[in-house]
Amino acid sequence: MRPTLPRLPAEDGLAIWNAEPGDVLPDGRIATALSVAQPFEYVAGQIGGVTDELAVTTRNPRYAAQMLGYSSQQFREMVHRFKDENTIGPTDDLTWHDNGDVYFQNIYIDNFHGYKD
C-alpha cells in the first residue's frame, strides 16, 4: 500500500499561508522555513555558465540545421552520412553544439561540419 500525504481542507489555507517556522499547522506538522535564495551580484552584459551552454545546444534536428546554417535537405543527408560512418542507429538521438560538435549519450563523436559534401 502506498502512503498518502494528509490533505488539508481549503479553509486551512490561510493558516498555512500565515504560518511562521515552528508554528503547528492544522494537520499537526510543524512549519519549516523555505530555503531562501541568496542574491548574486549583477554584472551588466556578462553572459556565461549553464545558460550560455544551453543556448548553444540542441537535440532537435530542425533547430540544429538552422543553428549550423544548413538547409533541411543538406542537413538530412549529412545526418545519414554521420550516423552511418559512426555506427549510430537511425533512431538514436544526437546532441549538436553551435560549433558543430556532436555528442551521442553525452559522449563526443565528431564535428558535424566535416560531413558536408
PDB file of N, CA and C in Angstrom:
ATOM      1  N   MET A   1       0.824  -1.186   0.000  1.00  0.00           N
ATOM      2  CA  MET A   1       0.000   0.000   0.000  1.00  0.00           C
ATOM      3  C   MET A   1       0.866   1.246   0.000  1.00  0.00           C
ATOM      4  N   ARG A   2       0.522   2.206  -0.848  1.00  0.00           N
ATOM      5  CA  ARG A   2       1.289   3.451  -0.923  1.00  0.00           C
ATOM      6  C   ARG A   2       0.881   4.396   0.201  1.00  0.00           C
ATOM      7  N   PRO A   3       1.860   5.005   0.843  1.00  0.00           N
ATOM      8  CA  PRO A   3       1.499   6.002   1.864  1.00  0.00           C
ATOM      9  C   PRO A   3       0.916   7.237   1.184  1.00  0.00           C
ATOM     10  N   THR A   4      -0.020   7.848   1.849  1.00  0.00           N
ATOM     11  CA  THR A   4      -0.630   9.059   1.301  1.00  0.00           C
ATOM     12  C   THR A   4      -0.305  10.234   2.200  1.00  0.00           C
ATOM     13  N   LEU A   5      -0.176  11.370   1.600  1.00  0.00           N
ATOM     14  CA  LEU A   5       0.059  12.594   2.362  1.00  0.00           C
ATOM     15  C   LEU A   5      -1.273  13.112   2.868  1.00  0.00           C
ATOM     16  N   PRO A   6      -1.283  13.654   4.068  1.00  0.00           N
ATOM     17  CA  PRO A   6      -2.553  14.189   4.572  1.00  0.00           C
ATOM     18  C   PRO A   6      -2.986  15.386   3.729  1.00  0.00           C
ATOM     19  N   ARG A   7      -4.262  15.484   3.500  1.00  0.00           N
ATOM     20  CA  ARG A   7      -4.810  16.609   2.753  1.00  0.00           C
ATOM     21  C   ARG A   7      -5.474  17.569   3.729  1.00  0.00           C
ATOM     22  N   LEU A   8      -5.198  18.818   3.546  1.00  0.00           N
ATOM     23  CA  LEU A   8      -5.775  19.831   4.414  1.00  0.00           C
ATOM     24  C   LEU A   8      -7.009  20.431   3.759  1.00  0.00           C
ATOM     25  N   PRO A   9      -8.022  20.717   4.555  1.00  0.00           N
ATOM     26  CA  PRO A   9      -9.202  21.381   3.987  1.00  0.00           C
ATOM     27  C   PRO A   9      -8.839  22.763   3.461  1.00  0.00           C
ATOM     28  N   ALA A  10      -9.589  23.241   2.501  1.00  0.00           N
ATOM     29  CA  ALA A  10      -9.308  24.538   1.881  1.00  0.00           C
ATOM     30  C   ALA A  10      -9.327  25.669   2.894  1.00  0.00           C
ATOM     31  N   GLU A  11     -10.163  25.558   3.925  1.00  0.00           N
ATOM     32  CA  GLU A  11     -10.233  26.651   4.909  1.00  0.00           C
ATOM     33  C   GLU A  11      -8.962  26.761   5.748  1.00  0.00           C
ATOM     34  N   ASP A  12      -8.112  25.739   5.731  1.00  0.00           N
ATOM     35  CA  ASP A  12      -6.850  25.796   6.459  1.00  0.00           C
ATOM     36  C   ASP A  12      -5.762  26.532   5.674  1.00  0.00           C
ATOM     37  N   GLY A  13      -6.039  26.870   4.426  1.00  0.00           N
ATOM     38  CA  GLY A  13      -5.045  27.517   3.583  1.00  0.00           C
ATOM     39  C   GLY A  13      -4.497  28.804   4.158  1.00  0.00           C
ATOM     40  N   LEU A  14      -5.373  29.635   4.728  1.00  0.00           N
ATOM     41  CA  LEU A  14      -4.936  30.909   5.293  1.00  0.00           C
ATOM     42  C   LEU A  14      -4.014  30.684   6.492  1.00  0.00           C
ATOM     43  N   ALA A  15      -4.338  29.694   7.320  1.00  0.00           N
ATOM     44  CA  ALA A  15      -3.484  29.390   8.470  1.00  0.00           C
ATOM     45  C   ALA A  15      -2.107  28.930   8.007  1.00  0.00           C
ATOM     46  N   ILE A  16      -2.082  28.135   6.957  1.00  0.00           N
ATOM     47  CA  ILE A  16      -0.807  27.645   6.438  1.00  0.00           C
ATOM     48  C   ILE A  16      -0.014  28.787   5.821  1.00  0.00           C
ATOM     49  N   TRP A  17      -0.681  29.635   5.055  1.00  0.00           N
ATOM     50  CA  TRP A  17      -0.032  30.763   4.399  1.00  0.00           C
ATOM     51  C   TRP A  17       0.621  31.697   5.414  1.00  0.00           C
ATOM     52  N   ASN A  18      -0.053  31.919   6.530  1.00  0.00           N
ATOM     53  CA  ASN A  18       0.439  32.859   7.540  1.00  0.00           C
ATOM     54  C   ASN A  18       1.338  32.218   8.585  1.00  0.00           C
ATOM     55  N   ALA A  19       1.575  30.916   8.490  1.00  0.00           N
ATOM     56  CA  ALA A  19       2.387  30.219   9.489  1.00  0.00           C
ATOM     57  C   ALA A  19       3.834  30.684   9.446  1.00  0.00           C
ATOM     58  N   GLU A  20       4.426  30.748  10.634  1.00  0.00           N
ATOM     59  CA  GLU A  20       5.839  31.069  10.787  1.00  0.00           C
ATOM     60  C   GLU A  20       6.582  29.771  11.101  1.00  0.00           C
ATOM     61  N   PRO A  21       7.887  29.692  10.793  1.00  0.00           N
ATOM     62  CA  PRO A  21       8.633  28.485  11.142  1.00  0.00           C
ATOM     63  C   PRO A  21       8.461  28.153  12.627  1.00  0.00           C
ATOM     64  N   GLY A  22       8.125  26.902  12.902  1.00  0.00           N
ATOM     65  CA  GLY A  22       7.907  26.456  14.281  1.00  0.00           C
ATOM     66  C   GLY A  22       6.446  26.395  14.664  1.00  0.00           C
ATOM     67  N   ASP A  23       5.568  27.072  13.930  1.00  0.00           N
ATOM     68  CA  ASP A  23       4.131  27.013  14.228  1.00  0.00           C
ATOM     69  C   ASP A  23       3.610  25.613  13.932  1.00  0.00           C
ATOM     70  N   VAL A  24       2.581  25.219  14.671  1.00  0.00           N
ATOM     71  CA  VAL A  24       1.928  23.939  14.423  1.00  0.00           C
ATOM     72  C   VAL A  24       0.841  24.169  13.387  1.00  0.00           C
ATOM     73  N   LEU A  25       0.900  23.420  12.294  1.00  0.00           N
ATOM     74  CA  LEU A  25      -0.083  23.537  11.220  1.00  0.00           C
ATOM     75  C   LEU A  25      -1.355  22.788  11.597  1.00  0.00           C
ATOM     76  N   PRO A  26      -2.483  23.059  10.934  1.00  0.00           N
ATOM     77  CA  PRO A  26      -3.746  22.397  11.267  1.00  0.00           C
ATOM     78  C   PRO A  26      -3.685  20.871  11.224  1.00  0.00           C
ATOM     79  N   ASP A  27      -2.773  20.293  10.427  1.00  0.00           N
ATOM     80  CA  ASP A  27      -2.688  18.832  10.363  1.00  0.00           C
ATOM     81  C   ASP A  27      -1.702  18.264  11.377  1.00  0.00           C
ATOM     82  N   GLY A  28      -1.128  19.126  12.231  1.00  0.00           N
ATOM     83  CA  GLY A  28      -0.229  18.671  13.286  1.00  0.00           C
ATOM     84  C   GLY A  28       1.251  18.759  12.940  1.00  0.00           C
ATOM     85  N   ARG A  29       1.588  19.017  11.682  1.00  0.00           N
ATOM     86  CA  ARG A  29       3.001  19.146  11.319  1.00  0.00           C
ATOM     87  C   ARG A  29       3.532  20.497  11.786  1.00  0.00           C
ATOM     88  N   ILE A  30       4.835  20.587  11.896  1.00  0.00           N
ATOM     89  CA  ILE A  30       5.499  21.826  12.292  1.00  0.00           C
ATOM     90  C   ILE A  30       5.943  22.556  11.030  1.00  0.00           C
ATOM     91  N   ALA A  31       5.610  23.837  10.930  1.00  0.00           N
ATOM     92  CA  ALA A  31       6.002  24.645   9.776  1.00  0.00           C
ATOM     93  C   ALA A  31       7.512  24.852   9.790  1.00  0.00           C
ATOM     94  N   THR A  32       8.116  24.759   8.612  1.00  0.00           N
ATOM     95  CA  THR A  32       9.552  25.000   8.470  1.00  0.00           C
ATOM     96  C   THR A  32       9.771  26.131   7.475  1.00  0.00           C
ATOM     97  N   ALA A  33      10.893  26.775   7.584  1.00  0.00           N
ATOM     98  CA  ALA A  33      11.213  27.882   6.679  1.00  0.00           C
ATOM     99  C   ALA A  33      11.554  27.335   5.300  1.00  0.00           C
ATOM    100  N   LEU A  34      11.146  28.053   4.277  1.00  0.00           N
ATOM    101  CA  LEU A  34      11.547  27.716   2.927  1.00  0.00           C
ATOM    102  C   LEU A  34      12.991  28.118   2.740  1.00  0.00           C
ATOM    103  N   SER A  35      13.678  27.412   1.872  1.00  0.00           N
ATOM    104  CA  SER A  35      15.042  27.812   1.559  1.00  0.00           C
ATOM    105  C   SER A  35      14.995  29.183   0.892  1.00  0.00           C
ATOM    106  N   VAL A  36      15.817  30.059   1.352  1.00  0.00           N
ATOM    107  CA  VAL A  36      15.854  31.402   0.797  1.00  0.00           C
ATOM    108  C   VAL A  36      17.054  31.518  -0.116  1.00  0.00           C
ATOM    109  N   ALA A  37      16.802  31.879  -1.361  1.00  0.00           N
ATOM    110  CA  ALA A  37      17.889  32.027  -2.320  1.00  0.00           C
ATOM    111  C   ALA A  37      18.746  33.231  -1.956  1.00  0.00           C
ATOM    112  N   GLN A  38      20.022  33.052  -2.086  1.00  0.00           N
ATOM    113  CA  GLN A  38      20.943  34.154  -1.813  1.00  0.00           C
ATOM    114  C   GLN A  38      21.084  35.009  -3.070  1.00  0.00           C
ATOM    115  N   PRO A  39      21.044  36.322  -2.915  1.00  0.00           N
ATOM    116  CA  PRO A  39      21.195  37.176  -4.094  1.00  0.00           C
ATOM    117  C   PRO A  39      22.606  37.062  -4.668  1.00  0.00           C
ATOM    118  N   PHE A  40      22.721  37.336  -5.946  1.00  0.00           N
ATOM    119  CA  PHE A  40      24.024  37.314  -6.578  1.00  0.00           C
ATOM    120  C   PHE A  40      24.298  38.698  -7.150  1.00  0.00           C
ATOM    121  N   GLU A  41      25.547  38.956  -7.352  1.00  0.00           N
ATOM    122  CA  GLU A  41      25.945  40.260  -7.871  1.00  0.00           C
ATOM    123  C   GLU A  41      25.621  40.338  -9.357  1.00  0.00           C
ATOM    124  N   TYR A  42      24.908  41.363  -9.749  1.00  0.00           N
ATOM    125  CA  TYR A  42      24.553  41.563 -11.150  1.00  0.00           C
ATOM    126  C   TYR A  42      25.702  42.257 -11.869  1.00  0.00           C
ATOM    127  N   VAL A  43      26.097  41.694 -13.002  1.00  0.00           N
ATOM    128  CA  VAL A  43      27.127  42.304 -13.826  1.00  0.00           C
ATOM    129  C   VAL A  43      26.525  42.492 -15.212  1.00  0.00           C
ATOM    130  N   ALA A  44      26.346  43.725 -15.620  1.00  0.00           N
ATOM    131  CA  ALA A  44      25.711  44.017 -16.909  1.00  0.00           C
ATOM    132  C   ALA A  44      26.529  43.460 -18.062  1.00  0.00           C
ATOM    133  N   GLY A  45      25.829  42.829 -19.007  1.00  0.00           N
ATOM    134  CA  GLY A  45      26.479  42.339 -20.216  1.00  0.00           C
ATOM    135  C   GLY A  45      27.281  41.064 -20.059  1.00  0.00           C
ATOM    136  N   GLN A  46      27.269  40.463 -18.882  1.00  0.00           N
ATOM    137  CA  GLN A  46      28.049  39.248 -18.692  1.00  0.00           C
ATOM    138  C   GLN A  46      27.121  38.038 -18.827  1.00  0.00           C
ATOM    139  N   ILE A  47      27.404  37.213 -19.811  1.00  0.00           N
ATOM    140  CA  ILE A  47      26.624  36.001 -20.031  1.00  0.00           C
ATOM    141  C   ILE A  47      27.580  34.833 -19.963  1.00  0.00           C
ATOM    142  N   GLY A  48      27.135  33.755 -19.380  1.00  0.00           N
ATOM    143  CA  GLY A  48      28.000  32.588 -19.309  1.00  0.00           C
ATOM    144  C   GLY A  48      27.390  31.507 -18.462  1.00  0.00           C
ATOM    145  N   GLY A  49      28.160  30.494 -18.197  1.00  0.00           N
ATOM    146  CA  GLY A  49      27.705  29.408 -17.359  1.00  0.00           C
ATOM    147  C   GLY A  49      26.732  28.496 -18.065  1.00  0.00           C
ATOM    148  N   VAL A  50      25.848  27.884 -17.317  1.00  0.00           N
ATOM    149  CA  VAL A  50      24.905  26.893 -17.835  1.00  0.00           C
ATOM    150  C   VAL A  50      23.951  27.513 -18.840  1.00  0.00           C
ATOM    151  N   THR A  51      23.514  28.741 -18.608  1.00  0.00           N
ATOM    152  CA  THR A  51      22.578  29.388 -19.527  1.00  0.00           C
ATOM    153  C   THR A  51      23.191  29.494 -20.912  1.00  0.00           C
ATOM    154  N   ASP A  52      24.429  29.917 -20.993  1.00  0.00           N
ATOM    155  CA  ASP A  52      25.108  30.044 -22.274  1.00  0.00           C
ATOM    156  C   ASP A  52      25.248  28.680 -22.932  1.00  0.00           C
ATOM    157  N   GLU A  53      25.569  27.657 -22.147  1.00  0.00           N
ATOM    158  CA  GLU A  53      25.740  26.319 -22.700  1.00  0.00           C
ATOM    159  C   GLU A  53      24.425  25.794 -23.257  1.00  0.00           C
ATOM    160  N   LEU A  54      23.313  26.004 -22.540  1.00  0.00           N
ATOM    161  CA  LEU A  54      22.020  25.546 -23.018  1.00  0.00           C
ATOM    162  C   LEU A  54      21.603  26.264 -24.285  1.00  0.00           C
ATOM    163  N   ALA A  55      21.951  27.519 -24.394  1.00  0.00           N
ATOM    164  CA  ALA A  55      21.534  28.311 -25.541  1.00  0.00           C
ATOM    165  C   ALA A  55      22.193  27.855 -26.835  1.00  0.00           C
ATOM    166  N   VAL A  56      23.307  27.183 -26.763  1.00  0.00           N
ATOM    167  CA  VAL A  56      24.030  26.784 -27.968  1.00  0.00           C
ATOM    168  C   VAL A  56      24.026  25.271 -28.178  1.00  0.00           C
ATOM    169  N   THR A  57      23.093  24.575 -27.550  1.00  0.00           N
ATOM    170  CA  THR A  57      22.996  23.127 -27.650  1.00  0.00           C
ATOM    171  C   THR A  57      21.561  22.728 -27.953  1.00  0.00           C
ATOM    172  N   THR A  58      21.386  21.741 -28.848  1.00  0.00           N
ATOM    173  CA  THR A  58      20.037  21.259 -29.139  1.00  0.00           C
ATOM    174  C   THR A  58      20.061  19.792 -29.514  1.00  0.00           C
ATOM    175  N   ARG A  59      18.945  19.131 -29.250  1.00  0.00           N
ATOM    176  CA  ARG A  59      18.756  17.747 -29.702  1.00  0.00           C
ATOM    177  C   ARG A  59      17.742  17.711 -30.835  1.00  0.00           C
ATOM    178  N   ASN A  60      17.192  18.857 -31.185  1.00  0.00           N
ATOM    179  CA  ASN A  60      16.190  18.945 -32.239  1.00  0.00           C
ATOM    180  C   ASN A  60      16.894  19.154 -33.577  1.00  0.00           C
ATOM    181  N   PRO A  61      16.779  18.198 -34.519  1.00  0.00           N
ATOM    182  CA  PRO A  61      17.487  18.320 -35.801  1.00  0.00           C
ATOM    183  C   PRO A  61      17.117  19.582 -36.584  1.00  0.00           C
ATOM    184  N   ARG A  62      15.853  20.017 -36.511  1.00  0.00           N
ATOM    185  CA  ARG A  62      15.468  21.232 -37.244  1.00  0.00           C
ATOM    186  C   ARG A  62      16.193  22.459 -36.707  1.00  0.00           C
ATOM    187  N   TYR A  63      16.261  22.554 -35.374  1.00  0.00           N
ATOM    188  CA  TYR A  63      16.989  23.680 -34.779  1.00  0.00           C
ATOM    189  C   TYR A  63      18.483  23.586 -35.071  1.00  0.00           C
ATOM    190  N   ALA A  64      18.989  22.357 -35.029  1.00  0.00           N
ATOM    191  CA  ALA A  64      20.421  22.165 -35.297  1.00  0.00           C
ATOM    192  C   ALA A  64      20.765  22.604 -36.717  1.00  0.00           C
ATOM    193  N   ALA A  65      19.907  22.267 -37.690  1.00  0.00           N
ATOM    194  CA  ALA A  65      20.154  22.669 -39.079  1.00  0.00           C
ATOM    195  C   ALA A  65      20.229  24.183 -39.186  1.00  0.00           C
ATOM    196  N   GLN A  66      19.294  24.868 -38.544  1.00  0.00           N
ATOM    197  CA  GLN A  66      19.295  26.335 -38.573  1.00  0.00           C
ATOM    198  C   GLN A  66      20.504  26.891 -37.842  1.00  0.00           C
ATOM    199  N   MET A  67      20.802  26.320 -36.679  1.00  0.00           N
ATOM    200  CA  MET A  67      21.905  26.813 -35.861  1.00  0.00           C
ATOM    201  C   MET A  67      23.236  26.671 -36.601  1.00  0.00           C
ATOM    202  N   LEU A  68      23.391  25.565 -37.347  1.00  0.00           N
ATOM    203  CA  LEU A  68      24.651  25.316 -38.048  1.00  0.00           C
ATOM    204  C   LEU A  68      24.672  25.886 -39.462  1.00  0.00           C
ATOM    205  N   GLY A  69      23.519  26.401 -39.932  1.00  0.00           N
ATOM    206  CA  GLY A  69      23.484  27.079 -41.226  1.00  0.00           C
ATOM    207  C   GLY A  69      23.326  26.185 -42.434  1.00  0.00           C
ATOM    208  N   TYR A  70      22.657  25.031 -42.285  1.00  0.00           N
ATOM    209  CA  TYR A  70      22.446  24.114 -43.406  1.00  0.00           C
ATOM    210  C   TYR A  70      20.972  24.071 -43.780  1.00  0.00           C
ATOM    211  N   SER A  71      20.701  23.804 -45.067  1.00  0.00           N
ATOM    212  CA  SER A  71      19.316  23.607 -45.494  1.00  0.00           C
ATOM    213  C   SER A  71      18.823  22.278 -44.917  1.00  0.00           C
ATOM    214  N   SER A  72      17.512  22.096 -44.869  1.00  0.00           N
ATOM    215  CA  SER A  72      16.944  20.856 -44.319  1.00  0.00           C
ATOM    216  C   SER A  72      17.433  19.631 -45.066  1.00  0.00           C
ATOM    217  N   GLN A  73      17.423  19.716 -46.400  1.00  0.00           N
ATOM    218  CA  GLN A  73      17.835  18.577 -47.206  1.00  0.00           C
ATOM    219  C   GLN A  73      19.318  18.271 -47.005  1.00  0.00           C
ATOM    220  N   GLN A  74      20.143  19.295 -47.042  1.00  0.00           N
ATOM    221  CA  GLN A  74      21.582  19.103 -46.850  1.00  0.00           C
ATOM    222  C   GLN A  74      21.855  18.533 -45.450  1.00  0.00           C
ATOM    223  N   PHE A  75      21.151  19.031 -44.467  1.00  0.00           N
ATOM    224  CA  PHE A  75      21.347  18.562 -43.095  1.00  0.00           C
ATOM    225  C   PHE A  75      20.956  17.091 -42.963  1.00  0.00           C
ATOM    226  N   ARG A  76      19.815  16.703 -43.549  1.00  0.00           N
ATOM    227  CA  ARG A  76      19.379  15.303 -43.506  1.00  0.00           C
ATOM    228  C   ARG A  76      20.428  14.378 -44.106  1.00  0.00           C
ATOM    229  N   GLU A  77      20.959  14.758 -45.268  1.00  0.00           N
ATOM    230  CA  GLU A  77      21.989  13.949 -45.914  1.00  0.00           C
ATOM    231  C   GLU A  77      23.230  13.824 -45.026  1.00  0.00           C
ATOM    232  N   MET A  78      23.599  14.931 -44.389  1.00  0.00           N
ATOM    233  CA  MET A  78      24.761  14.916 -43.504  1.00  0.00           C
ATOM    234  C   MET A  78      24.510  14.018 -42.287  1.00  0.00           C
ATOM    235  N   VAL A  79      23.291  14.059 -41.745  1.00  0.00           N
ATOM    236  CA  VAL A  79      22.962  13.225 -40.583  1.00  0.00           C
ATOM    237  C   VAL A  79      23.073  11.753 -40.947  1.00  0.00           C
ATOM    238  N   HIS A  80      22.536  11.369 -42.109  1.00  0.00           N
ATOM    239  CA  HIS A  80      22.626   9.966 -42.536  1.00  0.00           C
ATOM    240  C   HIS A  80      24.080   9.536 -42.685  1.00  0.00           C
ATOM    241  N   ARG A  81      24.880  10.363 -43.319  1.00  0.00           N
ATOM    242  CA  ARG A  81      26.303  10.066 -43.502  1.00  0.00           C
ATOM    243  C   ARG A  81      27.002   9.973 -42.141  1.00  0.00           C
ATOM    244  N   PHE A  82      26.702  10.924 -41.270  1.00  0.00           N
ATOM    245  CA  PHE A  82      27.310  10.973 -39.936  1.00  0.00           C
ATOM    246  C   PHE A  82      26.985   9.705 -39.151  1.00  0.00           C
ATOM    247  N   LYS A  83      25.711   9.323 -39.148  1.00  0.00           N
ATOM    248  CA  LYS A  83      25.311   8.138 -38.380  1.00  0.00           C
ATOM    249  C   LYS A  83      25.895   6.863 -38.972  1.00  0.00           C
ATOM    250  N   ASP A  84      25.903   6.756 -40.288  1.00  0.00           N
ATOM    251  CA  ASP A  84      26.472   5.569 -40.932  1.00  0.00           C
ATOM    252  C   ASP A  84      27.959   5.417 -40.614  1.00  0.00           C
ATOM    253  N   GLU A  85      28.713   6.494 -40.748  1.00  0.00           N
ATOM    254  CA  GLU A  85      30.156   6.432 -40.534  1.00  0.00           C
ATOM    255  C   GLU A  85      30.533   6.227 -39.075  1.00  0.00           C
ATOM    256  N   ASN A  86      29.628   6.577 -38.163  1.00  0.00           N
ATOM    257  CA  ASN A  86      29.939   6.446 -36.739  1.00  0.00           C
ATOM    258  C   ASN A  86      29.143   5.327 -36.073  1.00  0.00           C
ATOM    259  N   THR A  87      28.556   4.456 -36.889  1.00  0.00           N
ATOM    260  CA  THR A  87      27.757   3.311 -36.422  1.00  0.00           C
ATOM    261  C   THR A  87      26.756   3.690 -35.339  1.00  0.00           C
ATOM    262  N   ILE A  88      25.990   4.719 -35.622  1.00  0.00           N
ATOM    263  CA  ILE A  88      24.916   5.167 -34.731  1.00  0.00           C
ATOM    264  C   ILE A  88      23.606   4.790 -35.401  1.00  0.00           C
ATOM    265  N   GLY A  89      22.682   4.252 -34.640  1.00  0.00           N
ATOM    266  CA  GLY A  89      21.406   3.802 -35.176  1.00  0.00           C
ATOM    267  C   GLY A  89      20.575   4.939 -35.739  1.00  0.00           C
ATOM    268  N   PRO A  90      19.714   4.642 -36.714  1.00  0.00           N
ATOM    269  CA  PRO A  90      18.922   5.686 -37.357  1.00  0.00           C
ATOM    270  C   PRO A  90      17.954   6.400 -36.412  1.00  0.00           C
ATOM    271  N   THR A  91      17.519   5.746 -35.345  1.00  0.00           N
ATOM    272  CA  THR A  91      16.581   6.387 -34.415  1.00  0.00           C
ATOM    273  C   THR A  91      17.264   6.957 -33.180  1.00  0.00           C
ATOM    274  N   ASP A  92      18.590   6.830 -33.095  1.00  0.00           N
ATOM    275  CA  ASP A  92      19.312   7.360 -31.938  1.00  0.00           C
ATOM    276  C   ASP A  92      19.402   8.876 -32.012  1.00  0.00           C
ATOM    277  N   ASP A  93      19.166   9.530 -30.875  1.00  0.00           N
ATOM    278  CA  ASP A  93      19.209  10.989 -30.809  1.00  0.00           C
ATOM    279  C   ASP A  93      20.636  11.491 -30.621  1.00  0.00           C
ATOM    280  N   LEU A  94      20.928  12.588 -31.284  1.00  0.00           N
ATOM    281  CA  LEU A  94      22.228  13.245 -31.174  1.00  0.00           C
ATOM    282  C   LEU A  94      22.043  14.604 -30.523  1.00  0.00           C
ATOM    283  N   THR A  95      23.114  15.127 -29.956  1.00  0.00           N
ATOM    284  CA  THR A  95      23.109  16.481 -29.397  1.00  0.00           C
ATOM    285  C   THR A  95      24.122  17.304 -30.176  1.00  0.00           C
ATOM    286  N   TRP A  96      23.656  18.418 -30.759  1.00  0.00           N
ATOM    287  CA  TRP A  96      24.519  19.297 -31.547  1.00  0.00           C
ATOM    288  C   TRP A  96      24.868  20.543 -30.753  1.00  0.00           C
ATOM    289  N   HIS A  97      26.110  20.971 -30.890  1.00  0.00           N
ATOM    290  CA  HIS A  97      26.562  22.235 -30.293  1.00  0.00           C
ATOM    291  C   HIS A  97      26.798  23.223 -31.433  1.00  0.00           C
ATOM    292  N   ASP A  98      26.743  24.498 -31.114  1.00  0.00           N
ATOM    293  CA  ASP A  98      26.836  25.520 -32.166  1.00  0.00           C
ATOM    294  C   ASP A  98      28.178  25.549 -32.878  1.00  0.00           C
ATOM    295  N   ASN A  99      29.203  24.916 -32.326  1.00  0.00           N
ATOM    296  CA  ASN A  99      30.497  24.859 -33.016  1.00  0.00           C
ATOM    297  C   ASN A  99      30.593  23.643 -33.933  1.00  0.00           C
ATOM    298  N   GLY A 100      29.517  22.823 -33.996  1.00  0.00           N
ATOM    299  CA  GLY A 100      29.492  21.654 -34.864  1.00  0.00           C
ATOM    300  C   GLY A 100      29.787  20.346 -34.152  1.00  0.00           C
ATOM    301  N   ASP A 101      30.221  20.398 -32.901  1.00  0.00           N
ATOM    302  CA  ASP A 101      30.493  19.169 -32.162  1.00  0.00           C
ATOM    303  C   ASP A 101      29.189  18.404 -31.941  1.00  0.00           C
ATOM    304  N   VAL A 102      29.272  17.078 -32.088  1.00  0.00           N
ATOM    305  CA  VAL A 102      28.096  16.229 -31.921  1.00  0.00           C
ATOM    306  C   VAL A 102      28.388  15.199 -30.838  1.00  0.00           C
ATOM    307  N   TYR A 103      27.405  15.021 -29.954  1.00  0.00           N
ATOM    308  CA  TYR A 103      27.503  14.065 -28.866  1.00  0.00           C
ATOM    309  C   TYR A 103      26.386  13.041 -28.990  1.00  0.00           C
ATOM    310  N   PHE A 104      26.696  11.821 -28.611  1.00  0.00           N
ATOM    311  CA  PHE A 104      25.700  10.759 -28.522  1.00  0.00           C
ATOM    312  C   PHE A 104      25.790  10.198 -27.107  1.00  0.00           C
ATOM    313  N   GLN A 105      24.699  10.283 -26.368  1.00  0.00           N
ATOM    314  CA  GLN A 105      24.664   9.858 -24.966  1.00  0.00           C
ATOM    315  C   GLN A 105      25.804  10.495 -24.168  1.00  0.00           C
ATOM    316  N   ASN A 106      25.978  11.791 -24.325  1.00  0.00           N
ATOM    317  CA  ASN A 106      26.996  12.585 -23.627  1.00  0.00           C
ATOM    318  C   ASN A 106      28.432  12.187 -23.945  1.00  0.00           C
ATOM    319  N   ILE A 107      28.636  11.489 -25.053  1.00  0.00           N
ATOM    320  CA  ILE A 107      29.987  11.113 -25.492  1.00  0.00           C
ATOM    321  C   ILE A 107      30.271  11.835 -26.805  1.00  0.00           C
ATOM    322  N   TYR A 108      31.380  12.557 -26.859  1.00  0.00           N
ATOM    323  CA  TYR A 108      31.747  13.278 -28.079  1.00  0.00           C
ATOM    324  C   TYR A 108      32.009  12.281 -29.200  1.00  0.00           C
ATOM    325  N   ILE A 109      31.396  12.540 -30.371  1.00  0.00           N
ATOM    326  CA  ILE A 109      31.576  11.660 -31.523  1.00  0.00           C
ATOM    327  C   ILE A 109      32.509  12.312 -32.544  1.00  0.00           C
ATOM    328  N   ASP A 110      32.125  13.468 -33.071  1.00  0.00           N
ATOM    329  CA  ASP A 110      32.925  14.129 -34.104  1.00  0.00           C
ATOM    330  C   ASP A 110      32.331  15.513 -34.342  1.00  0.00           C
ATOM    331  N   ASN A 111      33.016  16.299 -35.162  1.00  0.00           N
ATOM    332  CA  ASN A 111      32.491  17.604 -35.554  1.00  0.00           C
ATOM    333  C   ASN A 111      31.652  17.422 -36.805  1.00  0.00           C
ATOM    334  N   PHE A 112      30.432  17.925 -36.789  1.00  0.00           N
ATOM    335  CA  PHE A 112      29.461  17.711 -37.851  1.00  0.00           C
ATOM    336  C   PHE A 112      29.850  18.375 -39.154  1.00  0.00           C
ATOM    337  N   HIS A 113      30.566  19.482 -39.102  1.00  0.00           N
ATOM    338  CA  HIS A 113      30.923  20.211 -40.316  1.00  0.00           C
ATOM    339  C   HIS A 113      31.788  19.382 -41.283  1.00  0.00           C
ATOM    340  N   GLY A 114      32.447  18.368 -40.778  1.00  0.00           N
ATOM    341  CA  GLY A 114      33.275  17.506 -41.618  1.00  0.00           C
ATOM    342  C   GLY A 114      32.480  16.554 -42.504  1.00  0.00           C
ATOM    343  N   TYR A 115      31.169  16.535 -42.371  1.00  0.00           N
ATOM    344  CA  TYR A 115      30.332  15.617 -43.130  1.00  0.00           C
ATOM    345  C   TYR A 115      29.581  16.324 -44.260  1.00  0.00           C
ATOM    346  N   LYS A 116      30.003  17.534 -44.562  1.00  0.00           N
ATOM    347  CA  LYS A 116      29.424  18.286 -45.671  1.00  0.00           C
ATOM    348  C   LYS A 116      30.030  17.778 -46.978  1.00  0.00           C
ATOM    349  N   ASP A 117      29.221  17.777 -48.032  1.00  0.00           N
ATOM    350  CA  ASP A 117      29.733  17.318 -49.343  1.00  0.00           C
ATOM    351  C   ASP A 117      30.935  18.089 -49.786  1.00  0.00           C
TER     352      ASP A 117
END
